[in-house]
Amino acid sequence: MQKTGGTTFGKHLVKNLDIDQPCECIKGKKKCNCLTRKQTVWLFSRYSTGWACGLHADWTELKGCVDKEMDKQEGLHRKRRFHYITILRDPVRRYISEWKHVQRGATWKAAKLYCNGRQASLEEVPFCFEGSTWKGVTLEEFIKCKFNLANNRQTRMLANLSKVNCYNGTGMNEELRQRLLLESAIENLKNMSFFGLTEHQRDTQLLFQHTFHIKFSKDFEQFNKTHSEKAEHKVTEEQISLIENLNALDVKLYKFAKRLFEERVKVMTEEMNESESTPVSVVESKSGGEQHNEGLGVREQHNETLDYVEELFKEASKK
């Protein structure tokens, strides 16, 4: 997802994993070869397979695309088991970072926004600007565009958009649409093998290593100064409030993600301590690349998500 630190994390995956068959990266080339000894692809990412499912493809696009693209990459069809991973970021800082990026001339006009067999139309998602870029856009202008895909980007990109008729906003109550988006995003996040938080680089690295039982050759760095943070002191309290309202779903999603992340880090720490104290025993990791919440059935997990989303909306209505 844009402006969450995924670029840095993606480079770590292709350049700094301490494994038997690391990616082969050639200077000057954007993509690395990430192949097993059997010459099958083990990493599907922008730095290995490129934008095979479209520019910054979301969960909906990836689910309908990855298997087919892997068949093309490998030249054969076979059963595969995928581990989906992602990085999330504080919604306000992520939004400001995207504004600064667009202000410098970036666009994502090439994004397919593919769902239910077709791309979103310009009537469904109009551009916020005329011309080739939105370079020089002010924060006020950025906030005012109601079709801005920066709004609630993390929730939208993690949710199964087919549950809300994709980008067609008609035919469904807006409150129901928002609830379904958040429920779906939370469900998909819970079922991911791993996710990290931009604001917690060290724990993100340790959790990845513990989950997949592989290590990075270089430690992650926690950058305290980014374009968004440098711009924050110029953003007014009123603008911060507007950004929070525009990203209300992302605020709720991040609150859940932070709680779940802390729970997983706690379990990891306990397992690591137990492993160190009992070197003769083999400690079975509950997070070894598998879906979490193994003790709950699918129905129970879904009901748990519904209850949590209900709590989040009740909290928001009290403010």
Protein backbone atom coordinates (compact mmCIF):
# COMPACT_ATOMS: atom_id res chain seq x y z
CA MET A 1 0.00 0.00 0.00
CA GLN A 2 1.22 3.46 -0.86
CA LYS A 3 3.23 5.42 1.72
CA THR A 4 3.34 2.75 4.42
CA GLY A 5 7.03 1.91 4.11
CA GLY A 6 6.35 -1.02 1.81
CA THR A 7 9.11 0.04 -0.59
CA THR A 8 11.76 -0.27 2.12
CA PHE A 9 10.32 -3.56 3.36
CA GLY A 10 10.17 -4.91 -0.20
CA LYS A 11 13.85 -4.12 -0.71
CA HIS A 12 14.69 -5.95 2.51
CA LEU A 13 12.94 -9.05 1.14
CA VAL A 14 14.94 -9.18 -2.09
CA LYS A 15 18.30 -7.97 -0.76
CA ASN A 16 18.67 -8.77 2.92
CA LEU A 17 17.12 -12.16 3.66
CA ASP A 18 19.63 -14.68 5.02
CA ILE A 19 18.40 -17.77 3.16
CA ASP A 20 19.88 -20.56 1.02
CA GLN A 21 18.33 -19.25 -2.20
CA PRO A 22 18.27 -15.44 -1.93
CA CYS A 23 17.05 -13.25 -4.76
CA GLU A 24 19.58 -12.41 -7.46
CA CYS A 25 19.59 -8.66 -8.02
CA ILE A 26 21.54 -7.08 -10.87
CA LYS A 27 22.53 -3.43 -10.57
CA GLY A 28 20.52 -1.26 -12.94
CA LYS A 29 17.60 -3.69 -13.17
CA LYS A 30 14.38 -3.00 -11.28
CA LYS A 31 13.43 -6.65 -10.78
CA CYS A 32 15.35 -9.42 -9.03
CA ASN A 33 15.18 -13.15 -9.74
CA CYS A 34 13.72 -14.90 -6.70
CA LEU A 35 13.79 -18.60 -7.55
CA THR A 36 14.04 -21.84 -5.61
CA ARG A 37 16.45 -24.63 -6.56
CA LYS A 38 13.58 -26.08 -8.62
CA GLN A 39 13.38 -22.76 -10.49
CA THR A 40 9.96 -21.88 -9.08
CA VAL A 41 9.15 -18.34 -7.93
CA TRP A 42 9.08 -17.98 -4.13
CA LEU A 43 8.35 -14.24 -3.89
CA PHE A 44 5.57 -12.29 -5.61
CA SER A 45 6.33 -8.58 -5.19
CA ARG A 46 7.11 -5.41 -7.13
CA TYR A 47 10.86 -6.11 -6.87
CA SER A 48 10.63 -9.73 -8.03
CA THR A 49 7.68 -10.14 -10.40
CA GLY A 50 7.02 -6.43 -10.98
CA TRP A 51 3.53 -4.95 -11.03
CA ALA A 52 2.15 -8.19 -12.50
CA CYS A 53 -1.35 -7.59 -11.08
CA GLY A 54 -1.33 -3.85 -11.67
CA LEU A 55 0.22 -0.81 -10.02
CA HIS A 56 -0.13 -1.14 -6.22
CA ALA A 57 -2.67 -3.94 -6.60
CA ASP A 58 -4.99 -4.32 -3.61
CA TRP A 59 -6.27 -7.48 -1.86
CA THR A 60 -9.21 -7.82 -4.27
CA GLU A 61 -6.98 -7.56 -7.34
CA LEU A 62 -4.30 -9.88 -5.97
CA LYS A 63 -6.77 -12.62 -5.01
CA GLY A 64 -8.09 -12.75 -8.56
CA CYS A 65 -4.73 -12.43 -10.25
CA VAL A 66 -1.74 -13.91 -8.42
CA ASP A 67 -2.27 -17.58 -9.26
CA LYS A 68 -2.72 -16.86 -12.98
CA GLU A 69 0.33 -14.60 -13.07
CA MET A 70 2.42 -17.19 -11.25
CA ASP A 71 1.42 -19.71 -13.93
CA LYS A 72 2.73 -17.27 -16.55
CA GLN A 73 5.93 -16.59 -14.62
CA GLU A 74 6.71 -20.30 -14.19
CA GLY A 75 5.19 -21.55 -17.43
CA LEU A 76 3.08 -24.17 -15.69
CA HIS A 77 -0.03 -24.59 -13.56
CA ARG A 78 0.33 -26.12 -10.09
CA LYS A 79 -1.14 -25.88 -6.62
CA ARG A 80 0.47 -23.19 -4.50
CA ARG A 81 0.16 -22.00 -0.94
CA PHE A 82 0.47 -18.23 -0.59
CA HIS A 83 1.40 -16.24 2.51
CA TYR A 84 -0.03 -12.74 2.22
CA ILE A 85 1.86 -10.02 4.10
CA THR A 86 1.49 -6.25 4.40
CA ILE A 87 2.62 -3.15 6.29
CA LEU A 88 0.28 -0.61 7.93
CA ARG A 89 0.96 2.94 9.06
CA ASP A 90 -0.62 5.58 11.29
CA PRO A 91 -3.48 6.89 9.08
CA VAL A 92 -2.87 10.62 9.54
CA ARG A 93 0.85 10.37 8.83
CA ARG A 94 0.22 8.06 5.88
CA TYR A 95 -2.32 10.51 4.41
CA ILE A 96 0.01 13.49 4.80
CA SER A 97 2.81 11.46 3.23
CA GLU A 98 0.63 10.64 0.22
CA TRP A 99 -0.32 14.32 -0.14
CA LYS A 100 3.36 15.34 -0.14
CA HIS A 101 4.13 12.61 -2.68
CA VAL A 102 1.36 13.80 -4.99
CA GLN A 103 2.41 17.41 -4.44
CA ARG A 104 5.84 16.48 -5.82
CA GLY A 105 4.20 15.21 -9.02
CA ALA A 106 3.40 11.54 -8.39
CA THR A 107 0.16 9.96 -9.60
CA TRP A 108 -1.28 6.47 -9.62
CA LYS A 109 -3.35 6.95 -12.76
CA ALA A 110 -2.07 3.61 -14.05
CA ALA A 111 -3.73 1.73 -11.17
CA LYS A 112 -6.28 -0.71 -12.59
CA LEU A 113 -8.79 -0.70 -9.70
CA TYR A 114 -9.95 -4.08 -10.99
CA CYS A 115 -12.92 -5.77 -9.31
CA ASN A 116 -15.60 -8.28 -10.34
CA GLY A 117 -14.10 -8.69 -13.79
CA ARG A 118 -13.71 -5.05 -14.78
CA GLN A 119 -11.88 -1.81 -14.04
CA ALA A 120 -13.55 1.02 -12.17
CA SER A 121 -15.00 3.60 -14.55
CA LEU A 122 -14.19 7.32 -14.52
CA GLU A 123 -17.79 7.92 -13.49
CA GLU A 124 -17.21 5.78 -10.38
CA VAL A 125 -13.75 7.15 -9.55
CA PRO A 126 -13.14 10.51 -11.29
CA PHE A 127 -9.67 12.05 -11.20
CA CYS A 128 -9.16 14.79 -8.63
CA PHE A 129 -7.14 16.89 -11.08
CA GLU A 130 -6.90 17.93 -14.70
CA GLY A 131 -3.75 17.49 -16.74
CA SER A 132 -0.98 14.95 -16.32
CA THR A 133 -0.30 15.46 -12.58
CA TRP A 134 -1.59 17.21 -9.46
CA LYS A 135 1.82 18.74 -8.79
CA GLY A 136 1.79 21.62 -6.32
CA VAL A 137 -1.58 20.64 -4.81
CA THR A 138 -2.24 22.24 -1.43
CA LEU A 139 -3.41 20.16 1.53
CA GLU A 140 -6.72 22.01 1.46
CA GLU A 141 -7.27 21.03 -2.19
CA PHE A 142 -6.19 17.46 -1.49
CA ILE A 143 -8.67 17.17 1.38
CA LYS A 144 -11.57 18.66 -0.60
CA CYS A 145 -11.59 16.04 -3.37
CA LYS A 146 -14.27 13.56 -2.30
CA PHE A 147 -13.07 11.00 -4.87
CA ASN A 148 -9.54 11.03 -3.46
CA LEU A 149 -8.33 7.42 -3.24
CA ALA A 150 -6.04 8.46 -0.38
CA ASN A 151 -9.13 8.49 1.86
CA ASN A 152 -9.31 5.26 3.88
CA ARG A 153 -6.78 3.74 1.50
CA GLN A 154 -5.60 1.03 3.91
CA THR A 155 -9.12 -0.24 4.62
CA ARG A 156 -10.09 -0.21 0.95
CA MET A 157 -6.93 -1.99 -0.16
CA LEU A 158 -7.26 -4.72 2.48
CA ALA A 159 -10.99 -5.34 2.02
CA ASN A 160 -12.76 -7.67 -0.39
CA LEU A 161 -14.39 -4.98 -2.53
CA SER A 162 -16.76 -7.40 -4.22
CA LYS A 163 -18.73 -7.41 -0.93
CA VAL A 164 -19.68 -3.75 -1.50
CA ASN A 165 -20.21 -3.87 -5.28
CA CYS A 166 -16.66 -2.66 -5.91
CA TYR A 167 -16.42 1.07 -6.70
CA ASN A 168 -20.12 1.47 -7.46
CA GLY A 169 -21.38 3.52 -4.52
CA THR A 170 -25.04 3.30 -5.51
CA GLY A 171 -27.53 0.73 -4.32
CA MET A 172 -26.15 0.43 -0.78
CA ASN A 173 -26.55 2.48 2.37
CA GLU A 174 -23.27 4.32 3.04
CA GLU A 175 -23.10 3.29 6.70
CA LEU A 176 -23.60 -0.36 5.76
CA ARG A 177 -20.96 -0.04 3.05
CA GLN A 178 -18.45 1.35 5.55
CA ARG A 179 -19.17 -1.40 8.07
CA LEU A 180 -18.75 -4.12 5.46
CA LEU A 181 -15.47 -2.60 4.25
CA LEU A 182 -14.05 -2.43 7.77
CA GLU A 183 -15.25 -5.93 8.68
CA SER A 184 -13.68 -7.36 5.54
CA ALA A 185 -10.39 -5.50 6.03
CA ILE A 186 -10.12 -6.71 9.63
CA GLU A 187 -10.93 -10.30 8.64
CA ASN A 188 -8.31 -10.28 5.90
CA LEU A 189 -5.71 -8.70 8.17
CA LYS A 190 -6.33 -11.31 10.87
CA ASN A 191 -5.90 -14.09 8.33
CA MET A 192 -2.64 -12.79 6.91
CA SER A 193 0.42 -14.80 7.82
CA PHE A 194 2.19 -11.61 8.84
CA PHE A 195 1.78 -7.85 8.96
CA GLY A 196 4.00 -5.13 10.37
CA LEU A 197 3.64 -1.52 11.51
CA THR A 198 5.75 1.29 10.08
CA GLU A 199 6.06 2.88 13.51
CA HIS A 200 7.52 -0.33 15.02
CA GLN A 201 10.37 -1.39 12.73
CA ARG A 202 12.30 -3.48 15.25
CA ASP A 203 9.29 -5.52 16.35
CA THR A 204 8.18 -5.84 12.72
CA GLN A 205 11.54 -7.38 11.82
CA LEU A 206 11.55 -9.73 14.82
CA LEU A 207 7.96 -10.82 14.20
CA PHE A 208 8.66 -11.59 10.54
CA GLN A 209 11.75 -13.60 11.48
CA HIS A 210 9.86 -15.50 14.17
CA THR A 211 6.87 -16.17 11.92
CA PHE A 212 8.81 -17.58 8.97
CA HIS A 213 11.90 -18.85 10.84
CA ILE A 214 14.30 -16.86 8.66
CA LYS A 215 16.45 -13.84 9.45
CA PHE A 216 17.45 -10.60 7.79
CA SER A 217 21.15 -9.89 7.34
CA LYS A 218 20.58 -6.20 8.16
CA ASP A 219 18.51 -4.66 10.93
CA PHE A 220 15.55 -2.44 10.07
CA GLU A 221 15.94 1.26 10.80
CA GLN A 222 13.34 3.44 12.50
CA PHE A 223 13.38 6.70 10.55
CA ASN A 224 12.20 9.53 12.77
CA LYS A 225 12.15 12.12 10.00
CA THR A 226 10.06 11.59 6.88
CA HIS A 227 8.44 14.02 4.44
CA SER A 228 5.13 13.67 6.28
CA GLU A 229 6.64 14.28 9.72
CA LYS A 230 8.52 17.35 8.48
CA ALA A 231 5.22 18.67 7.10
CA GLU A 232 3.20 17.90 10.24
CA HIS A 233 4.21 21.02 12.13
CA LYS A 234 2.67 23.09 9.31
CA VAL A 235 -0.65 21.22 9.46
CA THR A 236 -3.30 22.87 11.63
CA GLU A 237 -5.37 21.12 14.29
CA GLU A 238 -8.44 21.73 12.13
CA GLN A 239 -6.77 20.00 9.17
CA ILE A 240 -5.70 17.07 11.36
CA SER A 241 -9.32 16.70 12.47
CA LEU A 242 -10.52 16.76 8.85
CA ILE A 243 -7.95 14.10 7.90
CA GLU A 244 -9.08 11.88 10.80
CA ASN A 245 -12.71 12.22 9.71
CA LEU A 246 -11.87 11.44 6.08
CA ASN A 247 -9.94 8.38 7.24
CA ALA A 248 -12.31 7.24 9.98
CA LEU A 249 -12.23 3.64 8.74
CA ASP A 250 -8.43 3.61 8.61
CA VAL A 251 -8.29 5.02 12.15
CA LYS A 252 -10.49 2.14 13.35
CA LEU A 253 -8.53 -0.41 11.33
CA TYR A 254 -5.20 0.84 12.67
CA LYS A 255 -6.50 0.71 16.24
CA PHE A 256 -7.37 -2.95 15.73
CA ALA A 257 -4.10 -3.66 13.90
CA LYS A 258 -2.03 -2.13 16.67
CA ARG A 259 -3.78 -4.23 19.30
CA LEU A 260 -3.36 -7.43 17.28
CA PHE A 261 0.28 -6.59 16.50
CA GLU A 262 1.03 -6.09 20.20
CA GLU A 263 -0.64 -9.42 21.01
CA ARG A 264 1.47 -11.22 18.41
CA VAL A 265 4.65 -9.55 19.65
CA LYS A 266 3.79 -10.62 23.21
CA VAL A 267 3.26 -14.24 22.14
CA MET A 268 6.51 -14.12 20.15
CA THR A 269 8.44 -12.78 23.15
CA GLU A 270 7.02 -15.48 25.43
CA GLU A 271 7.88 -18.21 22.94
CA MET A 272 11.41 -16.87 22.46
CA ASN A 273 11.96 -16.69 26.23
CA GLU A 274 10.59 -20.21 26.67
CA SER A 275 12.82 -21.48 23.89
CA GLU A 276 15.89 -19.93 25.52
CA SER A 277 15.05 -21.37 28.93
CA THR A 278 14.41 -24.90 27.57
CA PRO A 279 17.07 -25.45 24.89
CA VAL A 280 16.52 -29.22 24.76
CA SER A 281 12.83 -28.92 23.90
CA VAL A 282 11.35 -27.83 20.59
CA VAL A 283 8.92 -24.98 21.07
CA GLU A 284 6.20 -25.08 18.46
CA SER A 285 5.48 -21.58 17.15
CA LYS A 286 1.83 -20.67 16.85
CA SER A 287 2.71 -18.10 14.23
CA GLY A 288 4.85 -20.15 11.87
CA GLY A 289 3.40 -18.74 8.69
CA GLU A 290 -0.07 -20.03 9.51
CA GLN A 291 -3.28 -18.13 9.95
CA HIS A 292 -3.75 -16.95 13.51
CA ASN A 293 -6.66 -17.58 15.91
CA GLU A 294 -6.43 -21.34 15.31
CA GLY A 295 -8.55 -21.99 18.39
CA LEU A 296 -11.57 -20.31 16.86
CA GLY A 297 -13.75 -21.67 14.07
CA VAL A 298 -14.52 -19.58 10.99
CA ARG A 299 -17.96 -18.61 12.31
CA GLU A 300 -16.59 -17.67 15.74
CA GLN A 301 -13.81 -15.57 14.16
CA HIS A 302 -16.33 -13.77 11.96
CA ASN A 303 -18.65 -13.08 14.91
CA GLU A 304 -15.67 -11.77 16.88
CA THR A 305 -14.92 -9.34 14.04
CA LEU A 306 -18.55 -8.18 13.86
CA ASP A 307 -18.58 -7.51 17.60
CA TYR A 308 -15.34 -5.57 17.42
CA VAL A 309 -16.49 -3.42 14.49
CA GLU A 310 -19.72 -2.69 16.37
CA GLU A 311 -17.65 -1.50 19.35
CA LEU A 312 -15.54 0.75 17.12
CA PHE A 313 -18.59 2.40 15.57
CA LYS A 314 -20.19 2.90 19.00
CA GLU A 315 -17.01 4.56 20.26
CA ALA A 316 -16.94 6.86 17.24
CA SER A 317 -20.58 7.88 17.70
CA LYS A 318 -19.90 8.97 21.29
CA LYS A 319 -17.19 11.43 20.24
